[in-house]
Amino acid sequence: MKMNLRIRDLREDRDLTQSQVAAYLLCDQSLYSKYECGKRDLPLRLAIKLADFYDVSLDYLVGREFPKR
């Protein structure tokens, strides 16, 4: 699974909007949308922030393992 699909699934599973996640990352919703759509690569520093936010590993975000429980 690509990281963009994984971050979308995590957001939707928690009933969050793109705007809410973008605010956490301190970026515009339109930019965050491009990360989810795979139109822009998610920078490592933001991937780390999202892994912490969702309490998952970076390996999980890139599709290497199952989520932490």
Protein backbone atom coordinates (compact mmCIF):
# COMPACT_ATOMS: atom_id res chain seq x y z
CA MET A 1 0.00 0.00 0.00
CA LYS A 2 1.31 3.43 -0.87
CA MET A 3 1.87 5.96 1.89
CA ASN A 4 -0.69 8.36 0.43
CA LEU A 5 -3.43 5.72 0.74
CA ARG A 6 -2.30 4.81 4.22
CA ILE A 7 -2.47 8.39 5.51
CA ARG A 8 -5.91 8.84 3.97
CA ASP A 9 -7.17 5.63 5.57
CA LEU A 10 -5.78 6.63 8.96
CA ARG A 11 -7.44 10.04 8.73
CA GLU A 12 -10.79 8.62 7.64
CA ASP A 13 -10.71 5.89 10.31
CA ARG A 14 -10.49 8.66 12.92
CA ASP A 15 -13.23 10.78 11.31
CA LEU A 16 -10.86 13.70 10.74
CA THR A 17 -10.97 16.20 7.90
CA GLN A 18 -8.05 17.09 5.71
CA SER A 19 -8.20 20.58 7.19
CA GLN A 20 -7.79 19.22 10.73
CA VAL A 21 -4.75 17.16 9.80
CA ALA A 22 -3.29 20.01 7.75
CA ALA A 23 -3.65 22.34 10.75
CA TYR A 24 -1.72 19.84 12.88
CA LEU A 25 1.02 19.73 10.24
CA LEU A 26 0.96 23.53 9.88
CA CYS A 27 0.26 23.39 6.15
CA ASP A 28 -2.62 24.31 3.84
CA GLN A 29 -5.42 21.83 3.27
CA SER A 30 -4.74 21.99 -0.48
CA LEU A 31 -1.14 20.89 0.06
CA TYR A 32 -2.20 18.09 2.40
CA SER A 33 -4.71 16.95 -0.22
CA LYS A 34 -1.85 16.60 -2.70
CA TYR A 35 -0.01 14.36 -0.22
CA GLU A 36 -3.08 12.12 0.11
CA CYS A 37 -3.66 12.02 -3.65
CA GLY A 38 -0.03 11.13 -4.32
CA LYS A 39 0.56 14.32 -6.32
CA ARG A 40 3.29 15.46 -3.93
CA ASP A 41 5.75 13.42 -1.89
CA LEU A 42 5.27 13.70 1.85
CA PRO A 43 8.47 15.10 3.41
CA LEU A 44 10.09 12.87 6.02
CA ARG A 45 9.60 15.45 8.79
CA LEU A 46 5.84 15.44 8.14
CA ALA A 47 5.73 11.66 7.88
CA ILE A 48 7.32 11.51 11.34
CA LYS A 49 4.73 13.96 12.69
CA LEU A 50 1.89 11.90 11.21
CA ALA A 51 3.31 8.65 12.60
CA ASP A 52 3.38 10.25 16.05
CA PHE A 53 -0.10 11.75 15.59
CA TYR A 54 -1.65 8.42 14.60
CA ASP A 55 0.56 6.39 16.98
CA VAL A 56 1.92 4.19 14.19
CA SER A 57 5.45 3.49 13.00
CA LEU A 58 7.05 4.93 9.89
CA ASP A 59 7.26 1.35 8.64
CA TYR A 60 3.48 1.14 8.86
CA LEU A 61 3.05 4.41 6.93
CA VAL A 62 5.14 3.07 4.08
CA GLY A 63 3.41 -0.32 4.14
CA ARG A 64 6.03 -2.46 5.85
CA GLU A 65 4.10 -3.64 8.93
CA PHE A 66 0.76 -3.69 10.68
CA PRO A 67 -0.28 -0.82 13.00
CA LYS A 68 0.75 -0.74 16.66
CA ARG A 69 -2.02 -1.68 19.05
